[in-house]
Amino acid sequence: MNNNQTPQQPAPQQYYYPDDEISLIDLWNTLMRRKKVLITAFAAVIVVAIIYLLLAKPVYESRAIVEIGRAGNKVVEDVNVLKQRLLAAYSGTAEFKIDALDTNPEGTKNSVRIVVHAGSLSKAKESLFRSY
């Protein structure tokens, strides 16, 4: 070593910083490598949906708002009394059931809203007119 020479400093290290960008080509290649899994999952979902559609029973809904009339200045029947009569008339039937029975719905006066679900269209229609 020569006294006139200065010691050499090591070269600074080069650090590699990966890009934060996602390559669409890499994504496409990954999808193509896994296409059997994707196709199998898609087919399974479609098969399950078709089976459900074939096995599910249709449910029909009927809705009505019954407004109670007046005779002169007097209401023909109290809303709560009508509600109890309707519940008694519709209870105990296996063909349909009342899902909602609200008094004075949506700001109406002296009325009852009935929502009935049934297994067939004719039963759904019939259920609303049964007690009248």
N, C-alpha and C. Protein backbone atom coordinates (compact mmCIF):
# COMPACT_ATOMS: atom_id res chain seq x y z
N MET A 1 0.83 -1.16 0.00
CA MET A 1 0.00 0.00 0.00
C MET A 1 0.88 1.23 0.00
N ASN A 2 0.51 2.11 -0.78
CA ASN A 2 1.26 3.34 -0.93
C ASN A 2 0.70 4.37 0.03
N ASN A 3 1.55 5.12 0.66
CA ASN A 3 1.09 6.10 1.64
C ASN A 3 0.34 7.24 0.98
N ASN A 4 0.59 7.50 -0.25
CA ASN A 4 -0.08 8.58 -0.95
C ASN A 4 -1.49 8.21 -1.40
N GLN A 5 -1.78 6.97 -1.39
CA GLN A 5 -3.11 6.54 -1.84
C GLN A 5 -4.09 6.62 -0.69
N THR A 6 -5.27 7.09 -0.98
CA THR A 6 -6.35 7.13 0.02
C THR A 6 -7.13 5.82 -0.06
N PRO A 7 -7.55 5.36 1.06
CA PRO A 7 -8.32 4.11 1.00
C PRO A 7 -9.62 4.32 0.24
N GLN A 8 -9.95 3.35 -0.57
CA GLN A 8 -11.17 3.46 -1.37
C GLN A 8 -12.38 3.09 -0.54
N GLN A 9 -13.40 3.87 -0.72
CA GLN A 9 -14.64 3.60 -0.01
C GLN A 9 -15.45 2.60 -0.82
N PRO A 10 -16.17 1.73 -0.13
CA PRO A 10 -16.98 0.77 -0.88
C PRO A 10 -18.09 1.50 -1.64
N ALA A 11 -18.43 0.93 -2.76
CA ALA A 11 -19.47 1.52 -3.59
C ALA A 11 -20.81 1.44 -2.86
N PRO A 12 -21.62 2.47 -2.97
CA PRO A 12 -22.91 2.43 -2.30
C PRO A 12 -23.77 1.29 -2.87
N GLN A 13 -24.53 0.66 -1.97
CA GLN A 13 -25.36 -0.48 -2.40
C GLN A 13 -26.54 0.02 -3.20
N GLN A 14 -26.86 -0.71 -4.21
CA GLN A 14 -28.02 -0.41 -5.03
C GLN A 14 -29.21 -1.19 -4.45
N TYR A 15 -30.23 -0.47 -4.08
CA TYR A 15 -31.43 -1.11 -3.56
C TYR A 15 -32.46 -1.20 -4.67
N TYR A 16 -33.18 -2.33 -4.69
CA TYR A 16 -34.22 -2.53 -5.69
C TYR A 16 -35.57 -2.26 -5.04
N TYR A 17 -36.31 -1.32 -5.56
CA TYR A 17 -37.65 -1.03 -5.09
C TYR A 17 -38.64 -1.53 -6.14
N PRO A 18 -39.47 -2.52 -5.79
CA PRO A 18 -40.43 -3.02 -6.78
C PRO A 18 -41.47 -1.96 -7.10
N ASP A 19 -41.97 -2.01 -8.31
CA ASP A 19 -43.00 -1.06 -8.73
C ASP A 19 -44.30 -1.34 -7.99
N ASP A 20 -45.05 -0.30 -7.73
CA ASP A 20 -46.35 -0.44 -7.10
C ASP A 20 -47.45 -0.69 -8.14
N GLU A 21 -47.08 -0.73 -9.37
CA GLU A 21 -48.06 -0.94 -10.43
C GLU A 21 -48.36 -2.43 -10.59
N ILE A 22 -49.59 -2.69 -11.02
CA ILE A 22 -50.01 -4.07 -11.29
C ILE A 22 -50.01 -4.26 -12.79
N SER A 23 -49.37 -5.29 -13.21
CA SER A 23 -49.30 -5.58 -14.64
C SER A 23 -50.55 -6.35 -15.06
N LEU A 24 -51.25 -5.84 -16.04
CA LEU A 24 -52.44 -6.53 -16.54
C LEU A 24 -52.08 -7.86 -17.20
N ILE A 25 -50.92 -7.91 -17.78
CA ILE A 25 -50.48 -9.15 -18.40
C ILE A 25 -50.26 -10.23 -17.35
N ASP A 26 -49.67 -9.84 -16.21
CA ASP A 26 -49.49 -10.80 -15.12
C ASP A 26 -50.83 -11.27 -14.56
N LEU A 27 -51.77 -10.35 -14.43
CA LEU A 27 -53.11 -10.75 -13.96
C LEU A 27 -53.77 -11.72 -14.94
N TRP A 28 -53.69 -11.41 -16.22
CA TRP A 28 -54.28 -12.28 -17.24
C TRP A 28 -53.63 -13.67 -17.20
N ASN A 29 -52.33 -13.70 -17.06
CA ASN A 29 -51.63 -14.99 -17.00
C ASN A 29 -52.05 -15.80 -15.77
N THR A 30 -52.25 -15.11 -14.64
CA THR A 30 -52.70 -15.79 -13.43
C THR A 30 -54.10 -16.36 -13.63
N LEU A 31 -54.98 -15.57 -14.25
CA LEU A 31 -56.34 -16.07 -14.53
C LEU A 31 -56.31 -17.27 -15.47
N MET A 32 -55.47 -17.24 -16.45
CA MET A 32 -55.40 -18.36 -17.40
C MET A 32 -54.84 -19.62 -16.73
N ARG A 33 -53.92 -19.43 -15.80
CA ARG A 33 -53.39 -20.60 -15.09
C ARG A 33 -54.46 -21.23 -14.19
N ARG A 34 -55.37 -20.41 -13.71
CA ARG A 34 -56.40 -20.89 -12.78
C ARG A 34 -57.77 -20.96 -13.43
N LYS A 35 -57.84 -21.07 -14.73
CA LYS A 35 -59.14 -21.04 -15.40
C LYS A 35 -60.00 -22.25 -15.06
N LYS A 36 -59.40 -23.39 -14.77
CA LYS A 36 -60.20 -24.56 -14.38
C LYS A 36 -60.93 -24.30 -13.08
N VAL A 37 -60.26 -23.67 -12.13
CA VAL A 37 -60.89 -23.35 -10.85
C VAL A 37 -62.01 -22.34 -11.05
N LEU A 38 -61.77 -21.32 -11.86
CA LEU A 38 -62.78 -20.31 -12.12
C LEU A 38 -64.00 -20.90 -12.81
N ILE A 39 -63.78 -21.71 -13.82
CA ILE A 39 -64.90 -22.31 -14.55
C ILE A 39 -65.68 -23.26 -13.65
N THR A 40 -64.99 -24.02 -12.83
CA THR A 40 -65.66 -24.95 -11.91
C THR A 40 -66.51 -24.19 -10.89
N ALA A 41 -65.98 -23.12 -10.33
CA ALA A 41 -66.73 -22.33 -9.34
C ALA A 41 -67.96 -21.69 -9.99
N PHE A 42 -67.81 -21.14 -11.17
CA PHE A 42 -68.92 -20.52 -11.89
C PHE A 42 -69.99 -21.55 -12.20
N ALA A 43 -69.60 -22.72 -12.68
CA ALA A 43 -70.56 -23.78 -13.00
C ALA A 43 -71.29 -24.26 -11.74
N ALA A 44 -70.57 -24.36 -10.63
CA ALA A 44 -71.20 -24.81 -9.38
C ALA A 44 -72.27 -23.82 -8.91
N VAL A 45 -71.99 -22.54 -9.01
CA VAL A 45 -72.97 -21.52 -8.61
C VAL A 45 -74.20 -21.59 -9.51
N ILE A 46 -74.01 -21.76 -10.79
CA ILE A 46 -75.14 -21.85 -11.72
C ILE A 46 -75.98 -23.09 -11.43
N VAL A 47 -75.34 -24.22 -11.17
CA VAL A 47 -76.08 -25.46 -10.88
C VAL A 47 -76.89 -25.31 -9.59
N VAL A 48 -76.30 -24.74 -8.55
CA VAL A 48 -77.02 -24.54 -7.29
C VAL A 48 -78.20 -23.60 -7.50
N ALA A 49 -78.04 -22.55 -8.26
CA ALA A 49 -79.14 -21.61 -8.53
C ALA A 49 -80.27 -22.29 -9.29
N ILE A 50 -79.95 -23.12 -10.27
CA ILE A 50 -80.98 -23.82 -11.04
C ILE A 50 -81.72 -24.81 -10.15
N ILE A 51 -81.00 -25.52 -9.31
CA ILE A 51 -81.65 -26.47 -8.39
C ILE A 51 -82.60 -25.73 -7.45
N TYR A 52 -82.16 -24.61 -6.91
CA TYR A 52 -83.02 -23.83 -6.02
C TYR A 52 -84.29 -23.38 -6.75
N LEU A 53 -84.13 -22.88 -7.97
CA LEU A 53 -85.29 -22.40 -8.73
C LEU A 53 -86.28 -23.52 -9.02
N LEU A 54 -85.79 -24.71 -9.25
CA LEU A 54 -86.68 -25.83 -9.54
C LEU A 54 -87.38 -26.36 -8.29
N LEU A 55 -86.72 -26.28 -7.13
CA LEU A 55 -87.28 -26.86 -5.91
C LEU A 55 -88.06 -25.87 -5.05
N ALA A 56 -87.82 -24.59 -5.19
CA ALA A 56 -88.47 -23.59 -4.34
C ALA A 56 -89.95 -23.47 -4.71
N LYS A 57 -90.78 -23.38 -3.67
CA LYS A 57 -92.21 -23.19 -3.89
C LYS A 57 -92.47 -21.70 -4.10
N PRO A 58 -93.29 -21.37 -5.06
CA PRO A 58 -93.60 -19.95 -5.25
C PRO A 58 -94.48 -19.44 -4.11
N VAL A 59 -94.28 -18.19 -3.75
CA VAL A 59 -95.09 -17.55 -2.72
C VAL A 59 -95.76 -16.34 -3.36
N TYR A 60 -97.07 -16.30 -3.25
CA TYR A 60 -97.85 -15.20 -3.82
C TYR A 60 -98.29 -14.29 -2.69
N GLU A 61 -98.31 -13.01 -2.96
CA GLU A 61 -98.64 -12.02 -1.95
C GLU A 61 -99.84 -11.22 -2.40
N SER A 62 -100.77 -11.00 -1.47
CA SER A 62 -101.92 -10.13 -1.70
C SER A 62 -101.87 -9.02 -0.67
N ARG A 63 -102.19 -7.83 -1.13
CA ARG A 63 -102.22 -6.67 -0.24
C ARG A 63 -103.54 -5.94 -0.43
N ALA A 64 -104.06 -5.44 0.66
CA ALA A 64 -105.29 -4.66 0.59
C ALA A 64 -105.30 -3.66 1.73
N ILE A 65 -105.92 -2.53 1.48
CA ILE A 65 -106.19 -1.56 2.53
C ILE A 65 -107.70 -1.45 2.63
N VAL A 66 -108.22 -1.78 3.81
CA VAL A 66 -109.66 -1.74 4.05
C VAL A 66 -109.95 -0.47 4.83
N GLU A 67 -110.77 0.37 4.23
CA GLU A 67 -111.14 1.61 4.89
C GLU A 67 -112.52 1.45 5.50
N ILE A 68 -112.64 1.83 6.74
CA ILE A 68 -113.90 1.71 7.45
C ILE A 68 -114.75 2.94 7.15
N GLY A 69 -116.00 2.67 6.78
CA GLY A 69 -116.90 3.77 6.43
C GLY A 69 -117.50 4.45 7.64
N ARG A 70 -118.27 5.49 7.35
CA ARG A 70 -118.96 6.26 8.38
C ARG A 70 -120.45 6.26 8.08
N ALA A 71 -121.20 6.24 9.13
CA ALA A 71 -122.65 6.42 9.03
C ALA A 71 -122.95 7.72 9.76
N GLY A 72 -123.12 8.77 9.00
CA GLY A 72 -123.26 10.10 9.60
C GLY A 72 -121.91 10.54 10.12
N ASN A 73 -121.85 10.87 11.38
CA ASN A 73 -120.59 11.28 12.00
C ASN A 73 -119.94 10.13 12.76
N LYS A 74 -120.56 8.99 12.75
CA LYS A 74 -120.07 7.86 13.54
C LYS A 74 -119.39 6.83 12.65
N VAL A 75 -118.22 6.34 13.10
CA VAL A 75 -117.49 5.30 12.38
C VAL A 75 -118.26 3.99 12.56
N VAL A 76 -118.42 3.23 11.46
CA VAL A 76 -119.20 1.99 11.50
C VAL A 76 -118.59 0.98 12.46
N GLU A 77 -117.28 0.82 12.42
CA GLU A 77 -116.62 -0.13 13.31
C GLU A 77 -115.26 0.44 13.68
N ASP A 78 -114.86 0.22 14.90
CA ASP A 78 -113.56 0.68 15.38
C ASP A 78 -112.45 -0.09 14.65
N VAL A 79 -111.35 0.58 14.38
CA VAL A 79 -110.23 -0.02 13.66
C VAL A 79 -109.66 -1.21 14.42
N ASN A 80 -109.51 -1.10 15.71
CA ASN A 80 -108.94 -2.18 16.50
C ASN A 80 -109.87 -3.38 16.58
N VAL A 81 -111.19 -3.13 16.59
CA VAL A 81 -112.16 -4.23 16.59
C VAL A 81 -112.08 -4.97 15.25
N LEU A 82 -111.98 -4.23 14.16
CA LEU A 82 -111.85 -4.87 12.84
C LEU A 82 -110.56 -5.68 12.76
N LYS A 83 -109.50 -5.14 13.31
CA LYS A 83 -108.23 -5.85 13.30
C LYS A 83 -108.36 -7.18 14.03
N GLN A 84 -109.01 -7.19 15.18
CA GLN A 84 -109.21 -8.43 15.93
C GLN A 84 -110.10 -9.41 15.18
N ARG A 85 -111.15 -8.90 14.52
CA ARG A 85 -112.02 -9.79 13.73
C ARG A 85 -111.25 -10.43 12.58
N LEU A 86 -110.41 -9.65 11.92
CA LEU A 86 -109.63 -10.20 10.81
C LEU A 86 -108.63 -11.24 11.30
N LEU A 87 -107.99 -10.97 12.41
CA LEU A 87 -107.06 -11.96 12.96
C LEU A 87 -107.78 -13.26 13.32
N ALA A 88 -108.97 -13.16 13.87
CA ALA A 88 -109.73 -14.35 14.22
C ALA A 88 -110.17 -15.10 12.96
N ALA A 89 -110.54 -14.37 11.92
CA ALA A 89 -111.01 -15.00 10.69
C ALA A 89 -109.88 -15.70 9.95
N TYR A 90 -108.68 -15.13 10.01
CA TYR A 90 -107.56 -15.69 9.25
C TYR A 90 -106.72 -16.68 10.04
N SER A 91 -106.88 -16.74 11.36
CA SER A 91 -106.04 -17.63 12.14
C SER A 91 -106.48 -19.07 11.97
N GLY A 92 -105.54 -19.97 12.08
CA GLY A 92 -105.84 -21.39 12.01
C GLY A 92 -105.91 -21.95 10.60
N THR A 93 -105.55 -21.18 9.61
CA THR A 93 -105.56 -21.70 8.24
C THR A 93 -104.13 -22.02 7.83
N ALA A 94 -103.94 -23.17 7.24
CA ALA A 94 -102.61 -23.57 6.80
C ALA A 94 -102.35 -23.10 5.38
N GLU A 95 -103.40 -22.69 4.67
CA GLU A 95 -103.24 -22.31 3.26
C GLU A 95 -102.56 -20.96 3.09
N PHE A 96 -102.81 -20.06 4.00
CA PHE A 96 -102.19 -18.75 3.91
C PHE A 96 -102.07 -18.18 5.31
N LYS A 97 -101.29 -17.13 5.43
CA LYS A 97 -101.14 -16.49 6.73
C LYS A 97 -101.02 -14.99 6.55
N ILE A 98 -101.45 -14.28 7.56
CA ILE A 98 -101.33 -12.82 7.56
C ILE A 98 -99.91 -12.47 7.99
N ASP A 99 -99.23 -11.71 7.18
CA ASP A 99 -97.87 -11.29 7.53
C ASP A 99 -97.84 -9.90 8.13
N ALA A 100 -98.81 -9.09 7.78
CA ALA A 100 -98.86 -7.74 8.35
C ALA A 100 -100.31 -7.33 8.47
N LEU A 101 -100.63 -6.71 9.56
CA LEU A 101 -101.97 -6.18 9.78
C LEU A 101 -101.78 -4.89 10.55
N ASP A 102 -101.74 -3.78 9.83
CA ASP A 102 -101.45 -2.48 10.42
C ASP A 102 -102.71 -1.64 10.46
N THR A 103 -102.87 -0.89 11.53
CA THR A 103 -103.97 0.06 11.57
C THR A 103 -103.46 1.42 11.12
N ASN A 104 -104.30 2.10 10.37
CA ASN A 104 -104.01 3.43 9.84
C ASN A 104 -102.65 3.50 9.13
N PRO A 105 -102.45 2.69 8.08
CA PRO A 105 -101.15 2.72 7.39
C PRO A 105 -100.99 3.97 6.54
N GLU A 106 -99.77 4.41 6.44
CA GLU A 106 -99.38 5.51 5.55
C GLU A 106 -100.25 6.75 5.74
N GLY A 107 -100.59 7.05 6.96
CA GLY A 107 -101.31 8.28 7.25
C GLY A 107 -102.80 8.25 6.95
N THR A 108 -103.37 7.09 6.61
CA THR A 108 -104.81 7.03 6.36
C THR A 108 -105.54 6.98 7.68
N LYS A 109 -106.82 7.33 7.65
CA LYS A 109 -107.63 7.29 8.86
C LYS A 109 -108.63 6.15 8.74
N ASN A 110 -108.87 5.48 9.84
CA ASN A 110 -109.88 4.42 9.91
C ASN A 110 -109.69 3.36 8.84
N SER A 111 -108.48 2.84 8.74
CA SER A 111 -108.22 1.80 7.76
C SER A 111 -107.27 0.75 8.32
N VAL A 112 -107.29 -0.41 7.68
CA VAL A 112 -106.44 -1.52 8.07
C VAL A 112 -105.76 -2.04 6.81
N ARG A 113 -104.44 -2.23 6.87
CA ARG A 113 -103.72 -2.82 5.74
C ARG A 113 -103.48 -4.29 6.05
N ILE A 114 -103.77 -5.14 5.07
CA ILE A 114 -103.59 -6.58 5.23
C ILE A 114 -102.59 -7.04 4.18
N VAL A 115 -101.60 -7.83 4.61
CA VAL A 115 -100.65 -8.46 3.69
C VAL A 115 -100.71 -9.95 3.94
N VAL A 116 -101.06 -10.71 2.91
CA VAL A 116 -101.24 -12.15 3.03
C VAL A 116 -100.32 -12.85 2.05
N HIS A 117 -99.64 -13.91 2.50
CA HIS A 117 -98.85 -14.76 1.62
C HIS A 117 -99.52 -16.10 1.51
N ALA A 118 -99.55 -16.65 0.30
CA ALA A 118 -100.18 -17.95 0.07
C ALA A 118 -99.36 -18.74 -0.94
N GLY A 119 -99.66 -20.04 -1.04
CA GLY A 119 -98.90 -20.91 -1.93
C GLY A 119 -99.37 -20.89 -3.37
N SER A 120 -100.55 -20.32 -3.63
CA SER A 120 -101.03 -20.23 -5.02
C SER A 120 -101.68 -18.88 -5.23
N LEU A 121 -101.79 -18.49 -6.47
CA LEU A 121 -102.37 -17.19 -6.81
C LEU A 121 -103.83 -17.14 -6.42
N SER A 122 -104.58 -18.21 -6.67
CA SER A 122 -106.00 -18.20 -6.34
C SER A 122 -106.22 -18.12 -4.83
N LYS A 123 -105.40 -18.80 -4.05
CA LYS A 123 -105.52 -18.74 -2.60
C LYS A 123 -105.16 -17.35 -2.08
N ALA A 124 -104.19 -16.72 -2.69
CA ALA A 124 -103.80 -15.37 -2.27
C ALA A 124 -104.94 -14.38 -2.52
N LYS A 125 -105.59 -14.50 -3.68
CA LYS A 125 -106.72 -13.61 -3.98
C LYS A 125 -107.90 -13.93 -3.08
N GLU A 126 -108.20 -15.20 -2.93
CA GLU A 126 -109.34 -15.63 -2.13
C GLU A 126 -109.19 -15.22 -0.67
N SER A 127 -107.98 -15.23 -0.17
CA SER A 127 -107.76 -14.94 1.24
C SER A 127 -108.17 -13.53 1.62
N LEU A 128 -108.04 -12.57 0.71
CA LEU A 128 -108.41 -11.21 1.03
C LEU A 128 -109.92 -11.02 1.11
N PHE A 129 -110.68 -11.81 0.36
CA PHE A 129 -112.12 -11.61 0.31
C PHE A 129 -112.88 -12.60 1.19
N ARG A 130 -112.18 -13.42 1.91
CA ARG A 130 -112.79 -14.49 2.68
C ARG A 130 -113.69 -13.97 3.80
N SER A 131 -113.28 -12.95 4.52
CA SER A 131 -114.04 -12.54 5.69
C SER A 131 -115.01 -11.41 5.40
N TYR A 132 -115.11 -10.96 4.15
CA TYR A 132 -115.99 -9.82 3.85
C TYR A 132 -117.32 -10.28 3.36
